[in-house]
Amino acid sequence: MASRHLGTFRPFGLNLTALGAGVLTAMLAVMATPALAGGDASLGEAQAAACGACHGQDGATGLDPTYPSLAGQNEKYLTNQLKMIRDGGRVIPLMAGQLNGKSDADLANLAAYYASLPGKVRQAQGDDETLAKAASMYRGGIAAKGVAACTSCHNPSGGGNALAGFPHLGGQASAYTVAQLTAYREGDRTTDETFGGMMRGVAQGLTDKEIAALADYIQGLY
């Protein structure tokens, strides 16, 4: 069928049974995490020039669909991820050496710059039935498999939670989301330690087909 923007869904109330212990653990971890000082977007702009080679000068038109869109990403989340990449906590071969020598302030400024850019609006490609199932997973989880609702941390529109440091997902290219959910499921990505391994717990309950449907659905959120 024709591609479409899914827009912002209005929540039907929080499903506590779908949250699971992982989400509650994450909430407690967020409460215990000190707030990060905001960066200076104007200082981050100059640093971003080199990033444009892979992520696009707009921060949202990547050289490859498996590269993340950075524009509009929540600043705290992006700062934390950049630190992990620089310090070796998140290993991305193509990023090797790219952040060497950058201070925490440099990374905060870079994150602030990308957070200030408008995110890219994309369209979901699935048929009505597949998107309806994906919407159900995103908003209500999969109780039978203990999969928490994505809205618990990433909100109904996919905007995440900027204060808590949960990423903005809406409009992210589906190929990137598929790659990350698969990496969490297989244990190849472990950057959710602060939140009690929550993303790995969620992803372990998802099949390849469910991951693909969710990623496509998320791509159409804004």
N, C-alpha and C. Protein backbone atom coordinates (compact mmCIF):
# COMPACT_ATOMS: atom_id res chain seq x y z
N MET A 1 0.84 -1.19 0.00
CA MET A 1 0.00 0.00 0.00
C MET A 1 0.88 1.24 0.00
N ALA A 2 0.28 2.38 -0.14
CA ALA A 2 1.04 3.62 -0.17
C ALA A 2 1.66 3.89 1.18
N SER A 3 2.84 4.54 1.17
CA SER A 3 3.49 4.88 2.43
C SER A 3 2.71 5.98 3.11
N ARG A 4 2.94 6.10 4.43
CA ARG A 4 2.18 7.10 5.15
C ARG A 4 2.92 7.57 6.38
N HIS A 5 2.57 8.82 6.81
CA HIS A 5 3.01 9.31 8.11
C HIS A 5 2.01 8.82 9.13
N LEU A 6 2.49 8.35 10.26
CA LEU A 6 1.59 7.83 11.28
C LEU A 6 1.23 8.89 12.30
N GLY A 7 2.07 9.93 12.39
CA GLY A 7 1.77 11.03 13.29
C GLY A 7 1.84 10.61 14.74
N THR A 8 1.19 11.36 15.58
CA THR A 8 1.21 11.12 17.01
C THR A 8 -0.04 10.39 17.44
N PHE A 9 0.10 9.22 18.04
CA PHE A 9 -1.05 8.48 18.55
C PHE A 9 -1.40 9.01 19.93
N ARG A 10 -2.67 9.09 20.21
CA ARG A 10 -3.12 9.46 21.53
C ARG A 10 -3.13 8.20 22.41
N PRO A 11 -2.47 8.20 23.55
CA PRO A 11 -2.40 7.01 24.38
C PRO A 11 -3.77 6.67 24.96
N PHE A 12 -3.98 5.37 25.19
CA PHE A 12 -5.22 4.91 25.80
C PHE A 12 -5.03 4.61 27.28
N GLY A 13 -4.03 5.22 27.88
CA GLY A 13 -3.72 4.97 29.29
C GLY A 13 -2.53 4.05 29.42
N LEU A 14 -1.83 4.14 30.52
CA LEU A 14 -0.62 3.37 30.73
C LEU A 14 -0.96 1.96 31.17
N ASN A 15 -0.43 0.99 30.49
CA ASN A 15 -0.66 -0.41 30.79
C ASN A 15 0.44 -0.89 31.74
N LEU A 16 0.16 -0.90 33.03
CA LEU A 16 1.20 -1.21 34.02
C LEU A 16 1.66 -2.66 33.92
N THR A 17 0.77 -3.56 33.54
CA THR A 17 1.19 -4.95 33.43
C THR A 17 2.16 -5.15 32.30
N ALA A 18 2.12 -4.26 31.30
CA ALA A 18 3.03 -4.38 30.16
C ALA A 18 4.38 -3.75 30.44
N LEU A 19 4.46 -2.96 31.51
CA LEU A 19 5.71 -2.27 31.79
C LEU A 19 6.82 -3.25 32.16
N GLY A 20 6.52 -4.14 33.09
CA GLY A 20 7.52 -5.11 33.50
C GLY A 20 8.52 -4.53 34.47
N ALA A 21 9.25 -5.41 35.10
CA ALA A 21 10.24 -4.99 36.10
C ALA A 21 11.35 -4.18 35.49
N GLY A 22 11.70 -4.45 34.23
CA GLY A 22 12.80 -3.73 33.60
C GLY A 22 12.55 -2.25 33.50
N VAL A 23 11.32 -1.88 33.15
CA VAL A 23 10.98 -0.47 33.02
C VAL A 23 11.01 0.21 34.38
N LEU A 24 10.49 -0.47 35.39
CA LEU A 24 10.51 0.11 36.72
C LEU A 24 11.93 0.30 37.21
N THR A 25 12.79 -0.67 36.90
CA THR A 25 14.20 -0.54 37.26
C THR A 25 14.82 0.66 36.57
N ALA A 26 14.46 0.85 35.30
CA ALA A 26 14.99 1.98 34.54
C ALA A 26 14.56 3.30 35.14
N MET A 27 13.31 3.37 35.56
CA MET A 27 12.81 4.61 36.16
C MET A 27 13.58 4.95 37.44
N LEU A 28 13.86 3.91 38.24
CA LEU A 28 14.61 4.15 39.46
C LEU A 28 16.03 4.58 39.13
N ALA A 29 16.61 4.00 38.08
CA ALA A 29 17.96 4.37 37.69
C ALA A 29 18.02 5.82 37.23
N VAL A 30 17.00 6.25 36.50
CA VAL A 30 16.94 7.63 36.03
C VAL A 30 16.88 8.58 37.21
N MET A 31 16.10 8.23 38.22
CA MET A 31 15.97 9.08 39.39
C MET A 31 17.31 9.23 40.11
N ALA A 32 18.16 8.22 39.98
CA ALA A 32 19.44 8.25 40.67
C ALA A 32 20.56 8.83 39.83
N THR A 33 20.27 9.16 38.56
CA THR A 33 21.28 9.66 37.65
C THR A 33 21.31 11.18 37.67
N PRO A 34 22.46 11.79 37.93
CA PRO A 34 22.53 13.24 37.96
C PRO A 34 22.28 13.84 36.59
N ALA A 35 21.64 15.00 36.55
CA ALA A 35 21.35 15.65 35.28
C ALA A 35 22.63 16.13 34.63
N LEU A 36 22.70 16.06 33.32
CA LEU A 36 23.86 16.53 32.59
C LEU A 36 23.69 18.00 32.24
N ALA A 37 24.79 18.73 32.32
CA ALA A 37 24.73 20.13 31.90
C ALA A 37 24.56 20.19 30.39
N GLY A 38 23.75 21.10 29.91
CA GLY A 38 23.52 21.21 28.49
C GLY A 38 24.73 21.76 27.77
N GLY A 39 24.91 21.31 26.51
CA GLY A 39 26.01 21.80 25.70
C GLY A 39 25.64 23.08 24.98
N ASP A 40 26.60 23.60 24.23
CA ASP A 40 26.43 24.83 23.45
C ASP A 40 26.36 24.45 21.98
N ALA A 41 25.19 24.57 21.40
CA ALA A 41 24.98 24.16 20.01
C ALA A 41 25.86 24.94 19.05
N SER A 42 26.09 26.22 19.33
CA SER A 42 26.91 27.04 18.43
C SER A 42 28.35 26.54 18.38
N LEU A 43 28.85 26.01 19.49
CA LEU A 43 30.20 25.47 19.51
C LEU A 43 30.24 24.07 18.89
N GLY A 44 29.14 23.38 18.94
CA GLY A 44 29.08 22.04 18.37
C GLY A 44 28.99 22.03 16.86
N GLU A 45 28.51 23.11 16.27
CA GLU A 45 28.30 23.14 14.82
C GLU A 45 29.59 22.90 14.05
N ALA A 46 30.68 23.54 14.45
CA ALA A 46 31.94 23.39 13.74
C ALA A 46 32.45 21.95 13.82
N GLN A 47 32.24 21.32 14.97
CA GLN A 47 32.68 19.93 15.14
C GLN A 47 31.88 18.97 14.26
N ALA A 48 30.66 19.35 13.95
CA ALA A 48 29.76 18.45 13.22
C ALA A 48 30.10 18.34 11.74
N ALA A 49 30.96 19.23 11.23
CA ALA A 49 31.27 19.22 9.80
C ALA A 49 31.79 17.85 9.36
N ALA A 50 32.67 17.27 10.14
CA ALA A 50 33.23 15.97 9.77
C ALA A 50 32.18 14.86 9.85
N CYS A 51 31.24 15.00 10.77
CA CYS A 51 30.20 13.97 10.96
C CYS A 51 29.30 13.87 9.74
N GLY A 52 29.19 15.01 9.02
CA GLY A 52 28.29 15.06 7.87
C GLY A 52 28.65 14.10 6.76
N ALA A 53 29.89 13.64 6.72
CA ALA A 53 30.31 12.72 5.67
C ALA A 53 29.51 11.42 5.73
N CYS A 54 29.15 11.00 6.93
CA CYS A 54 28.37 9.77 7.08
C CYS A 54 26.91 10.02 7.44
N HIS A 55 26.67 11.04 8.24
CA HIS A 55 25.32 11.29 8.76
C HIS A 55 24.56 12.36 7.99
N GLY A 56 25.19 12.93 6.96
CA GLY A 56 24.55 13.98 6.19
C GLY A 56 24.75 15.33 6.85
N GLN A 57 24.87 16.37 6.04
CA GLN A 57 25.08 17.70 6.60
C GLN A 57 23.87 18.17 7.41
N ASP A 58 22.72 17.58 7.13
CA ASP A 58 21.53 17.91 7.92
C ASP A 58 21.38 17.02 9.14
N GLY A 59 22.30 16.07 9.30
CA GLY A 59 22.24 15.16 10.43
C GLY A 59 21.17 14.10 10.32
N ALA A 60 20.49 14.04 9.19
CA ALA A 60 19.36 13.12 9.06
C ALA A 60 19.34 12.36 7.74
N THR A 61 20.32 12.63 6.89
CA THR A 61 20.37 11.96 5.59
C THR A 61 21.67 11.19 5.52
N GLY A 62 21.68 10.02 6.14
CA GLY A 62 22.89 9.24 6.25
C GLY A 62 23.35 8.63 4.94
N LEU A 63 24.65 8.36 4.90
CA LEU A 63 25.24 7.73 3.72
C LEU A 63 24.67 6.33 3.52
N ASP A 64 24.28 5.70 4.60
CA ASP A 64 23.73 4.33 4.58
C ASP A 64 22.52 4.32 5.50
N PRO A 65 21.46 3.58 5.14
CA PRO A 65 20.25 3.59 5.98
C PRO A 65 20.44 2.98 7.36
N THR A 66 21.55 2.27 7.57
CA THR A 66 21.81 1.72 8.90
C THR A 66 22.55 2.71 9.79
N TYR A 67 22.89 3.89 9.25
CA TYR A 67 23.51 4.93 10.07
C TYR A 67 22.39 5.73 10.75
N PRO A 68 22.55 6.08 12.01
CA PRO A 68 21.46 6.77 12.71
C PRO A 68 21.25 8.21 12.26
N SER A 69 20.01 8.64 12.30
CA SER A 69 19.70 10.05 12.16
C SER A 69 20.02 10.71 13.49
N LEU A 70 20.81 11.77 13.46
CA LEU A 70 21.20 12.46 14.68
C LEU A 70 20.36 13.71 14.92
N ALA A 71 19.86 14.29 13.86
CA ALA A 71 19.09 15.54 13.97
C ALA A 71 17.84 15.33 14.82
N GLY A 72 17.66 16.20 15.80
CA GLY A 72 16.48 16.12 16.66
C GLY A 72 16.59 15.08 17.76
N GLN A 73 17.73 14.42 17.85
CA GLN A 73 17.90 13.41 18.91
C GLN A 73 18.00 14.09 20.27
N ASN A 74 17.49 13.43 21.29
CA ASN A 74 17.54 14.00 22.63
C ASN A 74 18.98 14.19 23.09
N GLU A 75 19.27 15.37 23.59
CA GLU A 75 20.65 15.77 23.89
C GLU A 75 21.32 14.87 24.92
N LYS A 76 20.64 14.58 26.00
CA LYS A 76 21.26 13.77 27.06
C LYS A 76 21.60 12.38 26.54
N TYR A 77 20.68 11.78 25.80
CA TYR A 77 20.93 10.46 25.23
C TYR A 77 22.14 10.51 24.31
N LEU A 78 22.18 11.49 23.41
CA LEU A 78 23.25 11.56 22.44
C LEU A 78 24.59 11.81 23.12
N THR A 79 24.61 12.67 24.14
CA THR A 79 25.84 12.92 24.88
C THR A 79 26.36 11.62 25.50
N ASN A 80 25.47 10.88 26.13
CA ASN A 80 25.87 9.62 26.75
C ASN A 80 26.41 8.62 25.74
N GLN A 81 25.76 8.53 24.58
CA GLN A 81 26.21 7.59 23.56
C GLN A 81 27.57 7.99 23.00
N LEU A 82 27.77 9.28 22.78
CA LEU A 82 29.06 9.76 22.27
C LEU A 82 30.18 9.44 23.26
N LYS A 83 29.89 9.59 24.53
CA LYS A 83 30.90 9.26 25.55
C LYS A 83 31.22 7.76 25.53
N MET A 84 30.19 6.94 25.40
CA MET A 84 30.40 5.50 25.36
C MET A 84 31.26 5.11 24.15
N ILE A 85 30.98 5.72 23.02
CA ILE A 85 31.74 5.42 21.80
C ILE A 85 33.19 5.86 21.98
N ARG A 86 33.39 7.05 22.50
CA ARG A 86 34.75 7.56 22.71
C ARG A 86 35.53 6.68 23.68
N ASP A 87 34.86 6.23 24.73
CA ASP A 87 35.54 5.49 25.81
C ASP A 87 35.56 3.98 25.60
N GLY A 88 34.94 3.51 24.50
CA GLY A 88 34.97 2.09 24.20
C GLY A 88 33.84 1.28 24.78
N GLY A 89 32.90 1.92 25.45
CA GLY A 89 31.76 1.20 26.00
C GLY A 89 30.75 0.78 24.94
N ARG A 90 30.74 1.48 23.82
CA ARG A 90 29.91 1.11 22.69
C ARG A 90 30.83 1.04 21.47
N VAL A 91 31.05 -0.15 20.98
CA VAL A 91 32.01 -0.35 19.90
C VAL A 91 31.31 -0.29 18.55
N ILE A 92 31.68 0.71 17.76
CA ILE A 92 31.19 0.86 16.39
C ILE A 92 32.41 1.03 15.51
N PRO A 93 32.80 -0.01 14.78
CA PRO A 93 34.04 0.04 13.99
C PRO A 93 34.18 1.28 13.12
N LEU A 94 33.11 1.71 12.49
CA LEU A 94 33.19 2.88 11.60
C LEU A 94 33.43 4.18 12.37
N MET A 95 33.17 4.16 13.68
CA MET A 95 33.39 5.35 14.50
C MET A 95 34.76 5.33 15.18
N ALA A 96 35.52 4.27 14.98
CA ALA A 96 36.81 4.14 15.65
C ALA A 96 37.70 5.35 15.38
N GLY A 97 38.13 6.01 16.43
CA GLY A 97 39.03 7.15 16.31
C GLY A 97 38.36 8.48 16.02
N GLN A 98 37.08 8.45 15.67
CA GLN A 98 36.41 9.68 15.28
C GLN A 98 36.26 10.66 16.44
N LEU A 99 36.19 10.14 17.65
CA LEU A 99 35.96 11.01 18.81
C LEU A 99 37.20 11.12 19.71
N ASN A 100 38.29 10.57 19.25
CA ASN A 100 39.52 10.65 20.04
C ASN A 100 39.90 12.10 20.31
N GLY A 101 40.27 12.37 21.54
CA GLY A 101 40.73 13.72 21.89
C GLY A 101 39.63 14.70 22.22
N LYS A 102 38.39 14.29 22.06
CA LYS A 102 37.28 15.19 22.37
C LYS A 102 36.95 15.11 23.85
N SER A 103 36.80 16.27 24.47
CA SER A 103 36.46 16.34 25.89
C SER A 103 34.98 16.10 26.09
N ASP A 104 34.58 15.94 27.35
CA ASP A 104 33.16 15.81 27.66
C ASP A 104 32.40 17.04 27.17
N ALA A 105 33.01 18.22 27.31
CA ALA A 105 32.36 19.45 26.87
C ALA A 105 32.19 19.46 25.36
N ASP A 106 33.20 18.97 24.64
CA ASP A 106 33.10 18.90 23.17
C ASP A 106 31.92 18.02 22.76
N LEU A 107 31.79 16.87 23.42
CA LEU A 107 30.71 15.94 23.07
C LEU A 107 29.36 16.51 23.44
N ALA A 108 29.29 17.22 24.57
CA ALA A 108 28.03 17.86 24.96
C ALA A 108 27.63 18.93 23.95
N ASN A 109 28.60 19.67 23.46
CA ASN A 109 28.33 20.71 22.46
C ASN A 109 27.85 20.08 21.15
N LEU A 110 28.49 18.99 20.76
CA LEU A 110 28.10 18.29 19.53
C LEU A 110 26.68 17.76 19.66
N ALA A 111 26.38 17.18 20.81
CA ALA A 111 25.03 16.66 21.04
C ALA A 111 24.00 17.78 21.03
N ALA A 112 24.35 18.91 21.62
CA ALA A 112 23.42 20.04 21.65
C ALA A 112 23.14 20.54 20.24
N TYR A 113 24.16 20.54 19.40
CA TYR A 113 23.97 21.01 18.02
C TYR A 113 22.99 20.10 17.29
N TYR A 114 23.21 18.79 17.37
CA TYR A 114 22.32 17.88 16.65
C TYR A 114 20.91 17.90 17.24
N ALA A 115 20.82 18.07 18.54
CA ALA A 115 19.49 18.15 19.16
C ALA A 115 18.72 19.38 18.68
N SER A 116 19.44 20.41 18.26
CA SER A 116 18.79 21.65 17.82
C SER A 116 18.27 21.57 16.38
N LEU A 117 18.70 20.56 15.64
CA LEU A 117 18.29 20.43 14.24
C LEU A 117 16.94 19.74 14.12
N PRO A 118 16.18 20.08 13.10
CA PRO A 118 14.89 19.40 12.91
C PRO A 118 15.09 17.97 12.46
N GLY A 119 14.36 17.05 13.08
CA GLY A 119 14.44 15.65 12.67
C GLY A 119 13.78 15.44 11.33
N LYS A 120 14.12 14.34 10.70
CA LYS A 120 13.56 14.03 9.39
C LYS A 120 12.25 13.27 9.53
N VAL A 121 11.26 13.67 8.77
CA VAL A 121 9.97 12.97 8.78
C VAL A 121 10.01 11.90 7.69
N ARG A 122 9.80 10.67 8.10
CA ARG A 122 9.78 9.56 7.15
C ARG A 122 8.40 8.91 7.13
N GLN A 123 8.25 7.91 6.29
CA GLN A 123 6.96 7.26 6.14
C GLN A 123 7.07 5.76 6.36
N ALA A 124 6.08 5.22 7.02
CA ALA A 124 6.00 3.77 7.18
C ALA A 124 5.57 3.15 5.85
N GLN A 125 6.01 1.94 5.60
CA GLN A 125 5.75 1.30 4.31
C GLN A 125 4.81 0.09 4.39
N GLY A 126 4.53 -0.39 5.60
CA GLY A 126 3.77 -1.62 5.75
C GLY A 126 2.29 -1.50 5.42
N ASP A 127 1.64 -2.66 5.31
CA ASP A 127 0.20 -2.66 5.05
C ASP A 127 -0.55 -2.41 6.34
N ASP A 128 -1.84 -2.19 6.23
CA ASP A 128 -2.65 -1.82 7.39
C ASP A 128 -2.59 -2.86 8.51
N GLU A 129 -2.65 -4.13 8.15
CA GLU A 129 -2.67 -5.18 9.16
C GLU A 129 -1.35 -5.22 9.93
N THR A 130 -0.24 -5.14 9.20
CA THR A 130 1.08 -5.19 9.83
C THR A 130 1.30 -3.99 10.73
N LEU A 131 0.88 -2.82 10.26
CA LEU A 131 1.06 -1.60 11.05
C LEU A 131 0.18 -1.61 12.30
N ALA A 132 -1.01 -2.20 12.18
CA ALA A 132 -1.89 -2.29 13.35
C ALA A 132 -1.26 -3.18 14.42
N LYS A 133 -0.65 -4.28 14.01
CA LYS A 133 0.02 -5.17 14.95
C LYS A 133 1.22 -4.48 15.58
N ALA A 134 1.96 -3.73 14.76
CA ALA A 134 3.12 -3.01 15.27
C ALA A 134 2.69 -1.93 16.26
N ALA A 135 1.58 -1.26 15.95
CA ALA A 135 1.06 -0.23 16.86
C ALA A 135 0.68 -0.83 18.19
N SER A 136 0.10 -2.02 18.16
CA SER A 136 -0.29 -2.71 19.38
C SER A 136 0.94 -3.06 20.22
N MET A 137 2.01 -3.51 19.56
CA MET A 137 3.25 -3.82 20.27
C MET A 137 3.86 -2.56 20.85
N TYR A 138 3.89 -1.51 20.06
CA TYR A 138 4.53 -0.27 20.49
C TYR A 138 3.80 0.34 21.68
N ARG A 139 2.49 0.34 21.62
CA ARG A 139 1.70 1.01 22.65
C ARG A 139 1.35 0.13 23.85
N GLY A 140 1.28 -1.19 23.62
CA GLY A 140 0.84 -2.06 24.70
C GLY A 140 1.78 -3.19 25.04
N GLY A 141 2.86 -3.35 24.28
CA GLY A 141 3.78 -4.45 24.52
C GLY A 141 3.19 -5.78 24.10
N ILE A 142 3.82 -6.85 24.55
CA ILE A 142 3.33 -8.21 24.29
C ILE A 142 3.31 -8.91 25.64
N ALA A 143 2.19 -8.86 26.30
CA ALA A 143 2.08 -9.37 27.66
C ALA A 143 2.47 -10.84 27.76
N ALA A 144 2.09 -11.64 26.77
CA ALA A 144 2.36 -13.08 26.82
C ALA A 144 3.85 -13.39 26.84
N LYS A 145 4.65 -12.48 26.29
CA LYS A 145 6.10 -12.70 26.24
C LYS A 145 6.86 -11.77 27.18
N GLY A 146 6.12 -11.00 27.97
CA GLY A 146 6.78 -10.09 28.91
C GLY A 146 7.48 -8.93 28.25
N VAL A 147 7.04 -8.55 27.05
CA VAL A 147 7.64 -7.43 26.32
C VAL A 147 6.93 -6.14 26.72
N ALA A 148 7.67 -5.20 27.27
CA ALA A 148 7.08 -3.94 27.73
C ALA A 148 6.69 -3.05 26.56
N ALA A 149 5.73 -2.17 26.80
CA ALA A 149 5.31 -1.20 25.79
C ALA A 149 6.42 -0.17 25.54
N CYS A 150 6.68 0.10 24.28
CA CYS A 150 7.71 1.09 23.93
C CYS A 150 7.34 2.48 24.43
N THR A 151 6.03 2.76 24.50
CA THR A 151 5.58 4.08 24.94
C THR A 151 6.01 4.39 26.37
N SER A 152 6.30 3.36 27.14
CA SER A 152 6.68 3.58 28.54
C SER A 152 7.88 4.50 28.66
N CYS A 153 8.81 4.38 27.73
CA CYS A 153 10.03 5.20 27.76
C CYS A 153 10.15 6.14 26.56
N HIS A 154 9.55 5.76 25.44
CA HIS A 154 9.77 6.53 24.21
C HIS A 154 8.57 7.37 23.79
N ASN A 155 7.52 7.37 24.57
CA ASN A 155 6.28 8.12 24.41
C ASN A 155 5.53 7.79 23.14
N PRO A 156 4.24 8.08 23.08
CA PRO A 156 3.41 7.66 21.94
C PRO A 156 3.87 8.18 20.58
N SER A 157 4.51 9.35 20.56
CA SER A 157 4.94 9.91 19.28
C SER A 157 6.35 9.52 18.92
N GLY A 158 7.00 8.73 19.76
CA GLY A 158 8.37 8.32 19.49
C GLY A 158 9.40 9.35 19.89
N GLY A 159 8.98 10.35 20.68
CA GLY A 159 9.89 11.43 21.05
C GLY A 159 10.82 11.11 22.19
N GLY A 160 10.67 9.96 22.82
CA GLY A 160 11.53 9.58 23.92
C GLY A 160 11.27 10.40 25.17
N ASN A 161 12.27 10.48 26.01
CA ASN A 161 12.19 11.27 27.24
C ASN A 161 13.51 12.00 27.39
N ALA A 162 13.52 13.28 27.03
CA ALA A 162 14.77 14.04 26.99
C ALA A 162 15.42 14.14 28.36
N LEU A 163 14.62 14.36 29.40
CA LEU A 163 15.17 14.51 30.74
C LEU A 163 15.80 13.22 31.25
N ALA A 164 15.14 12.10 30.97
CA ALA A 164 15.65 10.81 31.43
C ALA A 164 16.80 10.29 30.58
N GLY A 165 16.93 10.83 29.37
CA GLY A 165 17.97 10.35 28.48
C GLY A 165 17.54 9.18 27.62
N PHE A 166 16.22 9.00 27.45
CA PHE A 166 15.72 7.97 26.55
C PHE A 166 15.64 8.56 25.14
N PRO A 167 16.08 7.81 24.13
CA PRO A 167 16.21 8.39 22.78
C PRO A 167 14.89 8.68 22.07
N HIS A 168 14.97 9.66 21.20
CA HIS A 168 13.90 9.97 20.26
C HIS A 168 13.97 8.92 19.15
N LEU A 169 12.88 8.21 18.92
CA LEU A 169 12.85 7.15 17.91
C LEU A 169 12.10 7.54 16.64
N GLY A 170 11.09 8.37 16.77
CA GLY A 170 10.24 8.72 15.63
C GLY A 170 11.03 9.26 14.45
N GLY A 171 10.79 8.71 13.26
CA GLY A 171 11.47 9.17 12.06
C GLY A 171 12.82 8.52 11.83
N GLN A 172 13.26 7.69 12.76
CA GLN A 172 14.54 7.00 12.58
C GLN A 172 14.39 5.96 11.47
N ALA A 173 15.36 5.87 10.58
CA ALA A 173 15.29 4.92 9.47
C ALA A 173 15.10 3.51 10.00
N SER A 174 14.19 2.77 9.39
CA SER A 174 13.86 1.44 9.89
C SER A 174 15.06 0.51 9.90
N ALA A 175 15.96 0.64 8.92
CA ALA A 175 17.13 -0.24 8.87
C ALA A 175 18.01 -0.08 10.10
N TYR A 176 18.13 1.15 10.60
CA TYR A 176 18.92 1.40 11.80
C TYR A 176 18.25 0.78 13.02
N THR A 177 16.94 0.97 13.15
CA THR A 177 16.23 0.43 14.30
C THR A 177 16.27 -1.10 14.30
N VAL A 178 16.12 -1.70 13.13
CA VAL A 178 16.24 -3.16 13.03
C VAL A 178 17.61 -3.61 13.52
N ALA A 179 18.65 -2.92 13.06
CA ALA A 179 20.01 -3.30 13.44
C ALA A 179 20.22 -3.20 14.94
N GLN A 180 19.69 -2.14 15.56
CA GLN A 180 19.91 -1.94 16.99
C GLN A 180 19.10 -2.92 17.84
N LEU A 181 17.84 -3.15 17.48
CA LEU A 181 17.03 -4.10 18.24
C LEU A 181 17.61 -5.51 18.12
N THR A 182 18.10 -5.85 16.93
CA THR A 182 18.73 -7.16 16.74
C THR A 182 20.00 -7.27 17.57
N ALA A 183 20.78 -6.19 17.59
CA ALA A 183 22.02 -6.20 18.38
C ALA A 183 21.73 -6.35 19.86
N TYR A 184 20.68 -5.68 20.34
CA TYR A 184 20.28 -5.85 21.75
C TYR A 184 19.84 -7.29 22.00
N ARG A 185 19.06 -7.83 21.10
CA ARG A 185 18.54 -9.19 21.30
C ARG A 185 19.66 -10.21 21.34
N GLU A 186 20.66 -10.03 20.48
CA GLU A 186 21.76 -10.98 20.41
C GLU A 186 22.85 -10.70 21.45
N GLY A 187 22.69 -9.62 22.21
CA GLY A 187 23.68 -9.29 23.22
C GLY A 187 24.90 -8.59 22.68
N ASP A 188 24.84 -8.14 21.43
CA ASP A 188 25.97 -7.43 20.82
C ASP A 188 26.00 -5.97 21.22
N ARG A 189 24.88 -5.44 21.65
CA ARG A 189 24.84 -4.08 22.18
C ARG A 189 24.39 -4.15 23.63
N THR A 190 25.18 -3.55 24.50
CA THR A 190 24.93 -3.65 25.94
C THR A 190 24.93 -2.28 26.60
N THR A 191 24.52 -1.26 25.87
CA THR A 191 24.56 0.10 26.39
C THR A 191 23.38 0.44 27.29
N ASP A 192 22.63 -0.58 27.67
CA ASP A 192 21.48 -0.37 28.54
C ASP A 192 21.77 -0.80 29.98
N GLU A 193 23.04 -0.94 30.33
CA GLU A 193 23.42 -1.39 31.67
C GLU A 193 22.85 -0.47 32.76
N THR A 194 22.90 0.85 32.50
CA THR A 194 22.39 1.80 33.48
C THR A 194 20.92 1.56 33.79
N PHE A 195 20.20 1.00 32.84
CA PHE A 195 18.77 0.78 32.98
C PHE A 195 18.45 -0.70 33.20
N GLY A 196 19.38 -1.42 33.79
CA GLY A 196 19.12 -2.81 34.15
C GLY A 196 18.97 -3.76 32.99
N GLY A 197 19.61 -3.45 31.85
CA GLY A 197 19.51 -4.33 30.69
C GLY A 197 18.13 -4.34 30.07
N MET A 198 17.40 -3.25 30.24
CA MET A 198 16.01 -3.20 29.83
C MET A 198 15.81 -3.48 28.34
N MET A 199 16.63 -2.85 27.49
CA MET A 199 16.43 -3.03 26.05
C MET A 199 16.74 -4.46 25.62
N ARG A 200 17.73 -5.06 26.23
CA ARG A 200 18.02 -6.46 25.91
C ARG A 200 16.86 -7.36 26.34
N GLY A 201 16.27 -7.04 27.48
CA GLY A 201 15.13 -7.81 27.94
C GLY A 201 13.94 -7.71 27.00
N VAL A 202 13.70 -6.51 26.49
CA VAL A 202 12.60 -6.31 25.55
C VAL A 202 12.88 -7.02 24.23
N ALA A 203 14.08 -6.80 23.70
CA ALA A 203 14.41 -7.33 22.37
C ALA A 203 14.44 -8.85 22.35
N GLN A 204 14.79 -9.47 23.46
CA GLN A 204 14.84 -10.93 23.51
C GLN A 204 13.48 -11.57 23.27
N GLY A 205 12.42 -10.81 23.48
CA GLY A 205 11.08 -11.34 23.26
C GLY A 205 10.54 -11.08 21.87
N LEU A 206 11.36 -10.51 20.99
CA LEU A 206 10.89 -10.14 19.66
C LEU A 206 11.50 -11.01 18.57
N THR A 207 10.66 -11.45 17.65
CA THR A 207 11.14 -12.19 16.48
C THR A 207 11.65 -11.21 15.43
N ASP A 208 12.33 -11.73 14.42
CA ASP A 208 12.80 -10.87 13.33
C ASP A 208 11.62 -10.13 12.68
N LYS A 209 10.52 -10.84 12.50
CA LYS A 209 9.34 -10.25 11.86
C LYS A 209 8.77 -9.13 12.71
N GLU A 210 8.72 -9.34 14.02
CA GLU A 210 8.19 -8.32 14.92
C GLU A 210 9.11 -7.10 14.97
N ILE A 211 10.41 -7.33 14.96
CA ILE A 211 11.38 -6.23 14.95
C ILE A 211 11.21 -5.40 13.68
N ALA A 212 11.08 -6.06 12.55
CA ALA A 212 10.93 -5.35 11.28
C ALA A 212 9.65 -4.52 11.27
N ALA A 213 8.56 -5.08 11.79
CA ALA A 213 7.29 -4.35 11.81
C ALA A 213 7.37 -3.14 12.74
N LEU A 214 7.96 -3.33 13.91
CA LEU A 214 8.12 -2.23 14.86
C LEU A 214 8.99 -1.12 14.26
N ALA A 215 10.08 -1.50 13.62
CA ALA A 215 11.00 -0.51 13.05
C ALA A 215 10.31 0.32 11.97
N ASP A 216 9.51 -0.34 11.16
CA ASP A 216 8.78 0.38 10.11
C ASP A 216 7.75 1.33 10.72
N TYR A 217 7.05 0.85 11.74
CA TYR A 217 6.06 1.68 12.42
C TYR A 217 6.73 2.92 13.03
N ILE A 218 7.84 2.72 13.71
CA ILE A 218 8.57 3.82 14.35
C ILE A 218 9.05 4.83 13.32
N GLN A 219 9.45 4.33 12.15
CA GLN A 219 9.91 5.21 11.08
C GLN A 219 8.84 6.23 10.69
N GLY A 220 7.58 5.83 10.82
CA GLY A 220 6.48 6.71 10.42
C GLY A 220 5.97 7.62 11.52
N LEU A 221 6.54 7.52 12.74
CA LEU A 221 6.12 8.41 13.82
C LEU A 221 6.84 9.75 13.74
N TYR A 222 6.20 10.77 14.27
CA TYR A 222 6.85 12.09 14.33
C TYR A 222 6.20 12.91 15.42
